Protein backbone atom coordinates (compact mmCIF):
# COMPACT_ATOMS: atom_id res chain seq x y z
CA MET A 1 96.51 128.70 144.19
CA GLU A 2 99.92 128.96 142.64
CA GLU A 3 100.06 125.00 142.39
CA ALA A 4 96.44 124.53 141.21
CA GLY A 5 97.78 124.00 137.78
CA ASP A 6 100.38 124.71 135.26
CA VAL A 7 98.81 128.30 134.62
CA VAL A 8 96.27 129.86 136.97
CA PHE A 9 94.40 133.33 136.59
CA ARG A 10 91.34 135.36 138.06
CA LEU A 11 89.34 137.47 135.55
CA ASN A 12 86.70 139.45 135.97
CA GLN A 13 83.47 139.72 134.40
CA GLN A 14 84.70 141.22 131.34
CA GLY A 15 87.56 138.75 130.80
CA GLN A 16 90.28 140.98 132.19
CA LEU A 17 93.03 139.62 134.39
CA LEU A 18 92.62 140.04 138.02
CA PHE A 19 95.76 137.65 138.93
CA ALA A 20 98.12 135.52 137.24
CA SER A 21 100.13 132.76 138.85
CA GLN A 22 103.98 133.11 138.68
CA ARG A 23 104.41 129.87 136.58
CA ALA A 24 101.94 131.45 134.09
CA ILE A 25 103.79 134.49 134.08
CA ALA A 26 107.26 132.57 133.43
CA ARG A 27 105.66 130.78 130.59
CA ILE A 28 104.00 133.65 128.86
CA GLY A 29 107.36 135.61 129.27
CA SER A 30 105.50 138.86 129.70
CA ALA A 31 107.77 141.86 130.57
CA THR A 32 104.89 144.05 131.67
CA PRO A 33 102.09 143.47 134.15
CA LEU A 34 99.48 141.29 133.16
CA VAL A 35 96.47 142.70 135.57
CA GLY A 36 94.37 144.35 133.66
CA THR A 37 94.93 142.56 130.14
CA ALA A 38 92.42 140.90 128.25
CA PHE A 39 92.81 137.25 129.10
CA SER A 40 91.92 136.58 125.06
CA LYS A 41 95.14 138.46 124.34
CA LEU A 42 97.00 135.73 125.65
CA LEU A 43 95.62 133.20 123.45
CA ALA A 44 96.25 132.19 119.99
CA ASP A 45 94.56 134.28 117.27
CA LEU A 46 92.71 131.25 115.85
CA ASP A 47 91.43 130.56 119.26
CA GLN A 48 90.32 133.88 120.63
CA ALA A 49 86.74 133.54 119.41
CA GLN A 50 86.23 130.53 121.50
CA LEU A 51 86.74 132.55 124.81
CA ALA A 52 84.03 134.87 125.38
CA PRO A 53 80.81 132.44 124.75
CA ALA A 54 82.75 130.18 127.18
CA LEU A 55 83.06 132.75 129.89
CA ALA A 56 79.64 134.03 129.38
CA ALA A 57 78.31 130.37 129.71
CA VAL A 58 80.06 129.85 133.09
CA LEU A 59 78.90 133.02 134.56
CA GLU A 60 75.42 132.41 133.22
CA THR A 61 74.64 128.83 134.59
CA ARG A 62 77.62 129.16 137.27
CA THR A 63 78.68 125.34 135.57
CA PRO A 64 82.29 124.92 135.10
CA ARG A 65 83.37 124.60 131.44
CA LEU A 66 86.82 122.80 130.04
CA LEU A 67 88.22 124.39 126.82
CA GLU A 68 91.29 123.17 124.93
CA ILE A 69 93.14 126.20 123.67
CA ARG A 70 96.50 127.56 122.71
CA ILE A 71 98.37 129.86 125.10
CA LYS A 72 101.18 132.29 123.46
CA THR A 73 104.79 131.94 124.66
CA PRO A 74 107.64 133.75 123.36
CA ASP A 75 108.56 130.51 121.16
CA ILE A 76 105.61 128.67 120.36
CA GLU A 77 101.74 128.47 120.99
CA ILE A 78 101.36 125.71 123.87
CA TRP A 79 98.02 123.56 124.05
CA HIS A 80 96.34 123.69 127.50
CA GLU A 81 93.09 122.26 129.03
CA LEU A 82 91.54 125.09 130.61
CA ARG A 83 89.00 124.65 133.40
CA ILE A 84 86.84 127.57 133.98
CA SER A 85 84.77 128.17 136.98
CA SER A 86 82.88 131.22 138.73
CA TYR A 87 82.83 132.22 142.33
CA HIS A 88 81.82 135.29 144.13
CA ASN A 89 84.64 137.31 145.65
CA ALA A 90 84.53 139.36 149.22
CA ASP A 91 82.23 142.08 147.49
CA ALA A 92 79.87 139.27 146.47
CA ALA A 93 80.81 140.33 142.68
CA PRO A 94 81.16 137.40 140.21
CA GLU A 95 84.70 136.33 139.02
CA LEU A 96 86.14 133.82 137.00
CA LEU A 97 88.79 131.05 137.81
CA VAL A 98 90.91 129.72 134.83
CA VAL A 99 92.98 126.63 136.02
CA GLY A 100 95.25 125.23 132.93
CA ARG A 101 96.92 122.17 132.33
CA ASP A 102 99.78 121.75 129.90
CA MET A 103 98.33 119.33 126.99
CA THR A 104 101.88 119.02 125.07
CA LEU A 105 102.82 115.38 126.28
CA GLN A 106 99.39 114.36 125.69
CA HIS A 107 99.13 116.02 122.30
CA ALA A 108 102.50 114.41 121.52
CA THR A 109 101.27 111.07 122.67
CA GLU A 110 98.02 111.21 120.67
CA GLU A 111 99.78 112.13 117.49
CA ARG A 112 102.37 109.30 118.06
CA LEU A 113 99.54 106.94 118.45
CA ARG A 114 97.70 108.25 115.40
CA HIS A 115 101.17 107.92 113.49
CA MET A 116 101.13 104.27 114.59
CA ALA A 117 97.95 103.65 113.63
CA THR A 118 98.45 104.56 110.28
CA HIS A 119 102.31 103.92 109.38
CA ASP A 120 104.25 100.88 109.08
CA ALA A 121 106.66 100.47 112.06
CA LEU A 122 109.60 99.30 110.22
CA THR A 123 109.64 101.82 106.93
CA GLU A 124 107.36 104.53 108.49
CA LEU A 125 105.54 104.52 105.22
CA PRO A 126 101.81 104.48 105.36
CA ASN A 127 99.93 101.29 106.13
CA ARG A 128 96.78 99.61 104.60
CA LEU A 129 94.69 101.85 106.57
CA LEU A 130 96.12 105.17 105.27
CA LEU A 131 96.71 103.70 101.98
CA SER A 132 92.61 103.14 101.98
CA ASP A 133 92.09 106.47 103.17
CA ARG A 134 94.52 107.99 100.43
CA MET A 135 93.19 105.94 97.53
CA ARG A 136 89.34 106.82 98.09
CA MET A 137 90.58 110.55 98.30
CA VAL A 138 92.42 110.27 94.92
CA ILE A 139 89.25 108.43 93.58
CA ALA A 140 86.98 111.31 94.51
CA ASN A 141 89.45 113.81 92.80
CA ALA A 142 89.47 111.52 89.58
CA ARG A 143 85.68 111.36 89.42
CA ARG A 144 85.50 115.32 89.52
CA SER A 145 88.50 115.80 87.26
CA GLY A 146 87.80 113.14 84.96
CA GLN A 147 91.45 112.50 85.17
CA GLY A 148 92.56 108.92 85.25
CA PHE A 149 95.25 107.39 87.66
CA ALA A 150 97.25 104.17 88.25
CA VAL A 151 97.81 101.80 90.97
CA ALA A 152 100.97 99.77 91.05
CA THR A 153 101.88 97.14 93.60
CA ILE A 154 105.72 96.45 93.94
CA GLY A 155 107.10 92.84 95.38
CA ILE A 156 110.53 92.39 95.96
CA ASP A 157 112.01 89.03 94.12
CA GLY A 158 113.32 86.28 96.23
CA PHE A 159 113.27 88.40 99.53
CA LYS A 160 112.72 85.03 101.44
CA LYS A 161 116.35 84.15 100.65
CA VAL A 162 117.74 87.40 102.28
CA ASN A 163 115.82 86.52 105.54
CA ASP A 164 116.57 82.75 105.47
CA GLY A 165 120.40 83.39 104.69
CA LEU A 166 121.36 86.45 106.47
CA GLY A 167 118.73 86.96 109.22
CA HIS A 168 115.86 89.00 109.76
CA PRO A 169 117.79 92.39 110.89
CA VAL A 170 119.49 92.44 107.40
CA GLY A 171 116.01 91.71 105.76
CA ASP A 172 114.74 94.72 107.86
CA ALA A 173 117.48 96.73 106.88
CA MET A 174 117.04 96.21 103.17
CA LEU A 175 112.94 97.02 103.46
CA ARG A 176 113.86 100.09 105.12
CA MET A 177 116.49 101.22 102.37
CA ALA A 178 114.10 99.88 99.62
CA ALA A 179 111.60 101.93 101.18
CA GLN A 180 113.75 105.14 101.08
CA ARG A 181 114.75 104.67 97.25
CA LEU A 182 110.83 104.06 96.06
CA ARG A 183 109.99 107.24 98.10
CA LYS A 184 112.88 109.02 96.24
CA THR A 185 111.89 107.63 93.09
CA LEU A 186 108.13 109.22 93.23
CA ARG A 187 106.59 112.64 93.15
CA ASP A 188 105.21 114.19 96.48
CA SER A 189 101.94 113.94 95.06
CA ASP A 190 102.29 110.04 94.93
CA THR A 191 101.44 107.99 97.68
CA LEU A 192 103.80 105.12 98.89
CA ALA A 193 102.84 102.60 101.40
CA ARG A 194 103.88 99.26 102.82
CA VAL A 195 101.13 96.53 102.80
CA GLY A 196 103.05 93.58 104.31
CA GLY A 197 106.21 91.60 103.99
CA ASP A 198 108.24 92.69 101.02
CA GLU A 199 105.09 94.40 99.03
CA PHE A 200 104.69 98.04 98.39
CA VAL A 201 101.89 99.77 96.93
CA THR A 202 101.97 103.31 95.29
CA ILE A 203 99.23 105.94 94.34
CA LEU A 204 100.06 107.42 90.92
CA PRO A 205 97.62 110.41 90.59
CA GLY A 206 97.44 111.46 86.66
CA THR A 207 99.56 108.98 85.69
CA ALA A 208 97.23 106.73 83.13
CA THR A 209 98.80 106.36 79.79
CA GLU A 210 100.82 103.65 78.46
CA ALA A 211 104.01 105.70 78.51
CA GLN A 212 103.55 107.31 81.50
CA ILE A 213 103.08 103.86 83.45
CA LYS A 214 106.23 102.58 81.32
CA LEU A 215 108.26 105.52 82.64
CA VAL A 216 107.20 105.19 86.29
CA THR A 217 107.40 101.55 86.60
CA GLY A 218 110.87 101.39 84.66
CA ARG A 219 112.28 103.91 87.54
CA LEU A 220 110.71 101.55 90.13
CA ILE A 221 112.36 98.49 88.96
CA ALA A 222 115.64 100.08 88.27
CA THR A 223 116.03 101.73 91.86
CA LEU A 224 115.47 98.29 93.23
CA GLN A 225 117.92 96.46 91.11
CA ALA A 226 121.03 98.73 92.30
CA PRO A 227 123.06 96.56 94.92
CA PHE A 228 122.22 96.82 98.69
CA GLU A 229 125.03 97.32 100.98
CA ILE A 230 124.17 95.74 104.26
CA ASP A 231 126.40 95.01 107.23
CA GLY A 232 129.36 93.96 104.75
CA HIS A 233 126.91 92.17 102.46
CA THR A 234 126.42 93.19 99.05
CA ILE A 235 122.82 91.95 98.10
CA TYR A 236 121.41 92.00 94.71
CA MET A 237 117.71 92.23 94.21
CA GLY A 238 114.89 92.67 91.80
CA ALA A 239 111.32 93.52 91.88
CA SER A 240 108.21 92.86 89.93
CA VAL A 241 105.35 95.29 89.41
CA GLY A 242 101.67 95.00 88.65
CA VAL A 243 99.58 98.09 87.58
CA ALA A 244 95.80 98.73 87.33
CA VAL A 245 94.38 101.72 86.00
CA TYR A 246 91.51 103.65 86.88
CA PRO A 247 88.66 103.94 85.49
CA GLN A 248 89.65 101.35 82.95
CA HIS A 249 90.04 98.41 85.07
CA ALA A 250 88.17 99.26 88.07
CA GLU A 251 86.34 102.25 89.86
CA ASP A 252 86.79 101.21 93.47
CA GLU A 253 89.69 100.65 95.75
CA ILE A 254 89.36 97.04 96.60
CA ARG A 255 89.29 95.94 92.94
CA LEU A 256 92.16 98.44 92.01
CA LEU A 257 94.41 96.78 94.39
CA ALA A 258 93.36 93.62 93.77
CA LEU A 259 93.99 93.23 90.05
CA ALA A 260 97.05 95.53 90.55
CA ASP A 261 98.22 92.40 92.76
CA ALA A 262 97.13 90.03 90.33
CA ALA A 263 99.13 91.69 87.63
CA MET A 264 102.01 91.57 90.06
CA SER A 265 101.56 87.75 90.55
CA ARG A 266 101.66 87.46 86.62
CA ALA A 267 104.85 89.53 86.59
CA LYS A 268 106.42 87.00 89.08
CA GLU A 269 104.83 83.94 87.07
CA THR A 270 106.33 85.09 83.90
CA GLY A 271 110.06 85.84 84.60
CA LYS A 272 110.18 88.39 87.44
CA ALA A 273 111.89 91.89 87.42
CA ARG A 274 109.15 93.17 84.89
CA ALA A 275 105.88 95.19 85.02
CA VAL A 276 102.91 93.90 83.85
CA VAL A 277 99.30 95.83 83.42
CA TYR A 278 96.57 94.15 84.41
CA SER A 279 94.46 92.54 81.22
CA PRO A 280 91.80 90.15 81.38
CA GLU A 281 93.09 88.10 78.63
CA HIS A 282 96.05 86.60 80.41
CA THR A 283 95.73 87.72 83.99
CA SER A 284 92.88 85.41 85.76
CA PRO A 285 90.90 87.39 88.42
CA PRO A 286 92.28 87.48 91.76
CA GLN A 287 91.07 84.76 94.37
CA HIS A 288 91.94 87.17 97.55
CA ASP A 289 88.70 89.06 97.79
CA ILE A 290 89.44 92.14 100.65
CA SER A 291 85.76 92.48 101.19
CA LEU A 292 85.37 88.76 101.29
CA GLU A 293 88.03 88.35 103.75
CA ALA A 294 86.38 91.01 106.32
CA ALA A 295 83.22 88.97 105.72
CA MET A 296 84.98 85.84 107.12
CA PHE A 297 85.93 87.51 110.42
CA GLN A 298 82.44 88.25 110.79
CA ALA A 299 81.07 84.89 109.75
CA VAL A 300 83.40 83.15 112.46
CA ARG A 301 81.82 85.84 115.03
CA GLU A 302 78.30 85.03 113.70
CA GLY A 303 78.73 81.08 113.38
CA GLU A 304 78.16 81.00 109.67
CA PHE A 305 80.60 78.25 108.86
CA LEU A 306 79.11 74.65 108.70
CA LEU A 307 80.54 71.17 108.45
CA TYR A 308 79.02 68.94 105.80
CA TYR A 309 79.84 65.12 105.47
CA GLN A 310 80.24 62.98 102.66
CA PRO A 311 80.14 59.28 102.90
CA ILE A 312 82.85 56.98 102.33
CA VAL A 313 81.52 53.60 101.64
CA ASP A 314 82.69 50.09 101.09
CA ALA A 315 82.50 49.38 97.32
CA HIS A 316 81.08 45.82 97.69
CA THR A 317 78.52 46.37 100.57
CA ARG A 318 77.48 49.84 100.17
CA GLU A 319 77.92 50.31 103.36
CA ILE A 320 78.75 53.79 105.08
CA GLN A 321 82.25 53.21 106.73
CA GLY A 322 82.96 57.06 107.33
CA PHE A 323 82.54 60.59 106.32
CA GLU A 324 84.83 63.04 104.95
CA THR A 325 84.39 66.46 106.77
CA LEU A 326 84.11 69.41 104.29
CA MET A 327 83.73 72.96 105.31
CA ARG A 328 80.94 75.22 104.09
CA TRP A 329 80.14 78.92 104.63
CA LYS A 330 76.57 79.99 104.50
CA HIS A 331 76.57 83.86 103.81
CA PRO A 332 73.30 85.46 104.80
CA THR A 333 73.30 87.27 101.25
CA LEU A 334 75.65 85.56 99.25
CA GLY A 335 74.34 82.26 100.24
CA MET A 336 76.88 79.09 100.00
CA VAL A 337 80.27 80.44 99.16
CA PRO A 338 82.38 77.95 97.43
CA PRO A 339 85.19 76.57 99.71
CA ALA A 340 87.64 77.41 96.63
CA ARG A 341 86.88 81.15 97.03
CA PHE A 342 87.23 81.01 100.82
CA ILE A 343 89.59 78.50 101.80
CA PRO A 344 92.64 80.23 99.96
CA ILE A 345 92.11 83.36 101.66
CA ALA A 346 91.80 81.87 105.21
CA GLU A 347 95.12 79.90 104.25
CA THR A 348 96.65 83.52 103.48
CA ASN A 349 95.43 85.32 106.42
CA GLY A 350 95.94 82.46 108.96
CA LEU A 351 92.29 82.12 109.76
CA ILE A 352 92.34 78.58 108.71
CA ASN A 353 94.05 77.57 111.99
CA LEU A 354 91.06 78.82 114.07
CA LEU A 355 88.67 77.24 111.49
CA GLY A 356 90.77 74.06 111.22
CA ALA A 357 91.02 73.51 114.86
CA TRP A 358 87.17 74.06 115.29
CA ALA A 359 86.32 71.79 112.34
CA LEU A 360 88.90 68.97 113.87
CA LYS A 361 86.95 68.84 117.01
CA ALA A 362 83.41 69.36 115.71
CA ALA A 363 84.07 66.66 113.34
CA CYS A 364 85.28 64.01 116.12
CA VAL A 365 82.07 64.97 118.48
CA GLN A 366 80.02 64.47 115.44
CA LEU A 367 81.34 61.08 114.70
CA LYS A 368 80.46 59.95 118.42
CA GLN A 369 76.73 60.83 117.38
CA PHE A 370 76.91 59.00 113.86
CA GLU A 371 78.01 55.93 115.85
CA GLU A 372 75.29 56.02 118.25
CA VAL A 373 72.87 55.83 115.39
CA ALA A 374 74.60 53.37 113.45
CA LYS A 375 75.16 50.85 116.48
CA ARG A 376 78.77 50.15 114.98
CA ASN A 377 82.21 51.81 114.68
CA LEU A 378 83.09 54.40 111.96
CA TYR A 379 85.65 56.86 111.31
CA ILE A 380 85.87 60.54 110.24
CA SER A 381 88.42 62.02 107.87
CA VAL A 382 89.44 65.60 108.09
CA ASN A 383 91.27 68.01 105.63
CA ILE A 384 94.46 69.53 107.24
CA SER A 385 95.46 72.54 105.36
CA PRO A 386 99.06 73.26 104.47
CA ARG A 387 99.15 76.20 107.28
CA GLN A 388 97.68 74.07 109.93
CA PHE A 389 100.11 71.14 109.30
CA ARG A 390 103.19 73.73 109.73
CA ASN A 391 101.39 75.65 112.83
CA ASP A 392 103.73 74.84 116.07
CA LYS A 393 100.24 74.32 118.01
CA PHE A 394 98.58 71.65 115.65
CA LEU A 395 99.83 68.77 117.67
CA ASP A 396 98.16 70.45 120.74
CA VAL A 397 95.01 70.83 118.61
CA LEU A 398 94.86 67.37 117.70
CA ASP A 399 95.45 65.94 121.23
CA ASP A 400 92.53 68.19 122.35
CA ALA A 401 90.13 67.03 119.76
CA ILE A 402 90.82 63.36 120.53
CA ALA A 403 90.60 64.01 124.38
CA PHE A 404 87.36 66.31 124.00
CA SER A 405 85.59 63.86 121.82
CA GLY A 406 86.84 60.56 123.40
CA LEU A 407 87.58 59.18 119.95
CA LEU A 408 90.15 56.42 119.44
CA GLY A 409 93.08 57.77 117.40
CA GLU A 410 92.48 54.89 114.68
CA GLN A 411 89.06 56.48 113.95
CA LEU A 412 90.60 59.79 112.51
CA VAL A 413 91.92 60.25 109.31
CA LEU A 414 93.75 63.25 108.81
CA GLU A 415 93.89 64.13 105.09
CA ILE A 416 97.30 66.09 103.77
CA THR A 417 98.06 66.78 100.05
CA GLU A 418 101.36 65.92 98.40
CA GLY A 419 102.46 69.17 98.39
CA THR A 420 102.05 69.92 101.73
CA LEU A 421 104.36 66.97 102.75
CA MET A 422 107.22 67.95 100.07
CA ILE A 423 107.42 71.84 101.31
CA ASP A 424 109.45 70.55 104.13
CA PRO A 425 109.94 66.92 104.04
CA VAL A 426 112.15 66.72 107.40
CA HIS A 427 109.44 68.66 109.23
CA ALA A 428 106.60 66.55 107.86
CA GLU A 429 108.22 63.31 108.63
CA SER A 430 108.66 64.45 112.31
CA ILE A 431 105.20 65.82 112.43
CA LEU A 432 103.67 62.64 110.91
CA SER A 433 105.65 60.31 113.13
CA LYS A 434 104.18 62.32 116.13
CA MET A 435 100.84 62.02 114.45
CA THR A 436 100.99 58.30 113.99
CA GLU A 437 101.91 57.94 117.67
CA ARG A 438 98.61 59.20 118.68
CA ASN A 439 97.13 56.21 116.12
CA ALA A 440 95.59 58.94 114.04
CA ARG A 441 96.02 57.78 110.09
CA ILE A 442 97.48 59.67 107.37
CA ALA A 443 95.64 60.14 103.73
CA ILE A 444 97.34 61.40 100.96
CA ASP A 445 94.70 63.17 99.61
CA ASP A 446 94.37 63.84 95.45
CA PHE A 447 96.76 61.32 95.18
CA GLY A 448 98.68 61.51 91.78
CA THR A 449 98.00 65.36 91.06
CA GLY A 450 101.10 66.61 92.98
CA TYR A 451 104.49 65.38 93.34
CA SER A 452 103.63 61.91 93.07
CA SER A 453 107.24 60.82 94.38
CA LEU A 454 107.20 57.21 95.38
CA ALA A 455 110.09 57.85 97.90
CA TYR A 456 107.78 59.49 100.39
CA LEU A 457 105.51 56.45 100.26
CA LYS A 458 108.16 54.78 101.85
CA ARG A 459 109.54 57.48 103.92
CA PHE A 460 106.25 58.78 105.42
CA PRO A 461 104.00 56.74 107.91
CA ILE A 462 101.05 56.77 105.01
CA SER A 463 97.88 54.58 105.71
CA VAL A 464 95.51 55.75 102.83
CA LEU A 465 95.74 57.01 99.32
CA LYS A 466 92.73 58.98 97.82
CA ILE A 467 92.73 58.72 94.32
CA ASP A 468 91.89 62.03 92.77
CA ARG A 469 88.62 62.32 90.70
CA THR A 470 90.23 63.57 87.75
CA PHE A 471 91.21 59.94 87.11
CA ILE A 472 88.02 58.66 87.64
CA ARG A 473 85.88 60.72 85.65
CA ASP A 474 86.26 59.18 82.34
CA LEU A 475 86.56 55.56 83.58
CA PRO A 476 85.95 52.92 82.33
CA GLY A 477 86.17 54.37 78.95
CA SER A 478 89.62 56.18 79.51
CA GLN A 479 92.43 53.42 78.56
CA LYS A 480 95.16 55.98 80.56
CA ASP A 481 92.99 56.52 83.64
CA GLY A 482 92.20 53.03 83.87
CA ALA A 483 96.06 52.16 83.89
CA ILE A 484 96.76 54.67 86.25
CA CYS A 485 93.88 53.56 88.62
CA ASN A 486 95.47 50.08 88.29
CA ALA A 487 99.04 51.17 89.11
CA VAL A 488 97.85 52.79 92.21
CA LEU A 489 95.81 49.95 93.21
CA ASP A 490 98.56 47.57 92.83
CA LEU A 491 101.15 49.86 94.37
CA ALA A 492 98.86 50.34 97.53
CA LYS A 493 98.12 46.47 97.82
CA HIS A 494 102.18 45.63 97.60
CA LEU A 495 102.41 48.57 100.51
CA ASP A 496 99.45 47.38 102.51
CA LEU A 497 97.93 50.74 102.09
CA SER A 498 93.98 51.51 101.63
CA VAL A 499 92.27 53.36 98.69
CA VAL A 500 89.52 55.64 98.45
CA ALA A 501 88.64 56.48 95.03
CA GLU A 502 87.04 59.91 95.04
CA GLY A 503 84.53 61.26 92.55
CA VAL A 504 82.76 58.31 91.65
CA GLU A 505 79.28 59.23 90.21
CA THR A 506 77.83 56.28 87.95
CA GLU A 507 77.51 52.66 88.37
CA GLU A 508 80.04 51.60 85.78
CA GLN A 509 82.67 53.46 87.57
CA LEU A 510 82.01 51.67 90.73
CA GLN A 511 81.82 48.27 89.21
CA TYR A 512 85.23 48.85 87.66
CA LEU A 513 86.81 50.04 90.45
CA GLU A 514 85.55 47.36 92.71
CA GLN A 515 86.49 44.39 89.86
CA ARG A 516 90.06 46.02 90.50
CA GLY A 517 90.49 45.66 94.10
CA CYS A 518 89.34 49.29 95.28
CA GLN A 519 87.43 48.40 98.53
CA TYR A 520 86.29 52.14 99.28
CA ILE A 521 84.59 54.42 97.25
CA GLN A 522 83.26 58.42 97.59
CA GLY A 523 81.42 60.35 95.14
CA TYR A 524 77.75 61.61 94.39
CA LEU A 525 76.95 58.12 93.47
CA THR A 526 76.91 56.67 97.13
CA GLY A 527 76.36 60.41 98.41
CA LYS A 528 76.56 64.00 98.35
CA PRO A 529 78.25 66.41 100.99
CA MET A 530 75.20 66.74 103.48
CA ALA A 531 74.48 68.12 106.55
CA ALA A 532 74.76 66.43 109.81
CA ASN A 533 71.24 65.70 110.03
CA VAL A 534 71.08 64.28 106.70
CA ALA A 535 73.78 62.18 107.60
CA LEU A 536 72.11 60.65 110.50
CA ALA A 537 69.14 59.84 108.70
CA ALA A 538 71.21 58.13 105.89
CA LEU A 539 72.90 56.04 108.88
CA LYS A 540 69.31 55.30 110.40
CA GLU A 541 67.98 54.14 106.85
CA SER A 542 70.70 51.80 105.95
CA ILE A 543 69.45 48.28 105.42
CA HIS A 544 72.73 46.70 104.68
CA ALA A 545 73.05 45.50 108.27
CA ASN A 546 70.17 43.32 107.77
CA VAL A 547 71.02 42.13 104.19
CA VAL A 548 74.56 41.64 104.20
CA PRO A 549 76.76 39.05 105.89
CA ALA A 550 78.99 40.22 108.80
CA GLU A 551 82.03 39.24 107.27
CA LEU A 552 81.29 41.53 104.20
CA ARG A 553 80.60 44.49 106.56
CA GLN A 554 84.00 44.28 108.34
CA GLY A 555 86.97 46.86 108.18
CA HIS A 556 87.61 50.31 107.12
CA PRO A 557 90.37 52.21 105.43
């Protein structure tokens, strides 16, 4: 019985001790005999009320029960899990056996796990989860009291240069120091959380007037402007702060955080090292909707994302040569969510890698079905986002899509924006070269709206230029747009590049472009983005094969 548990007791029906194990006596530290003492006297005052009902239930039902309870020791009260069971002694009288297990280690582990779930591992500050809980509490208090409060998002200016120049260990040390400084600047009633990277959020109960906000934000900025001394390095940084006020700007946590973040972005755009209070006049609504982001993950699980296909046609024959693949999201209650809303969010949270890989493979497979109906070769064009392009696994995704679909590499055009190439030209040149080794062709999407550097046309293995719709919209009336289109077409001709004009909506635009040597067009005139079954019907109904000589139907961009 001594070894049955960390503590072992025998009790009579009245709950008095008949026996206590040596380990129990040592733990309790009693100098007087325990036999005859009420067992409840050994328990923490707050837990004593639980004991009598538990003992009575075991005696009545003869069914063992578990009870988590604290036992007094000379120094502290220690949590134990007690297993209480009944038996009959030699005189056939019912007695109770209590075997206890020390729960200290388990409670400490659970507490540590709870802390890890609600706190940032690097700074020990609350994380997004705890921030959200605190925000709901402050909102509830504000509604009862009628007193407003502010939410401030703090972003360290130029933090990336620390990680890149001095290494992540120095960057981490700086974030820890920044967290300590910010925490000391705030009141105990304020909440400070780290929400990722170099961004912090603080909830400021009772801070709602312009003067109060100016005072607090000034202190926050000042504390981060003092130099950081780390491993022999003296680092000077600054911070941009964005503020949203309850209930003036919003009354829910998601909107308040989004508006504070938008205000911080405005602060960075307009000079950094300053605080901006949200204002609809000069701060555009935030694109990153937290609730929409949550719905996106659900949409992936539920299969709500779709692929649409917009025809790319020969300007002369009007025959479909290929399709650009466009992602769509059909939400059960919101309907069709515009790509402009969900693509930036997916790019930010990394979901674009999953969606992009799926779109690439699905589009390649779909092309096979298109070709079976058309009875001729077609090609498929797929947009590659900046994050996809920089992903280490992108080439593996590309290989998988080509192998799974059985496409020839030249039937696949990968559309990349100018900005994506110029983020890291060395990396871009390496990846593009490996893409062309697979015979995939590279198209520059929205040509003329980004960096428009002629140097990259020479440096990178590009096959197709897509003239952005902004240069097509006012044709043929706009002399300037006409000059730009003519220059692009002439440049492409001398560099042996194909050109696709996007956004063609009128016959006049098509004729203007065709007369100037633009071979391929894309736009509402020749087909809006359409579901795969509609695209199949368009291919089936095509009469061009019957009326256009074969020599006019050859080639694709």
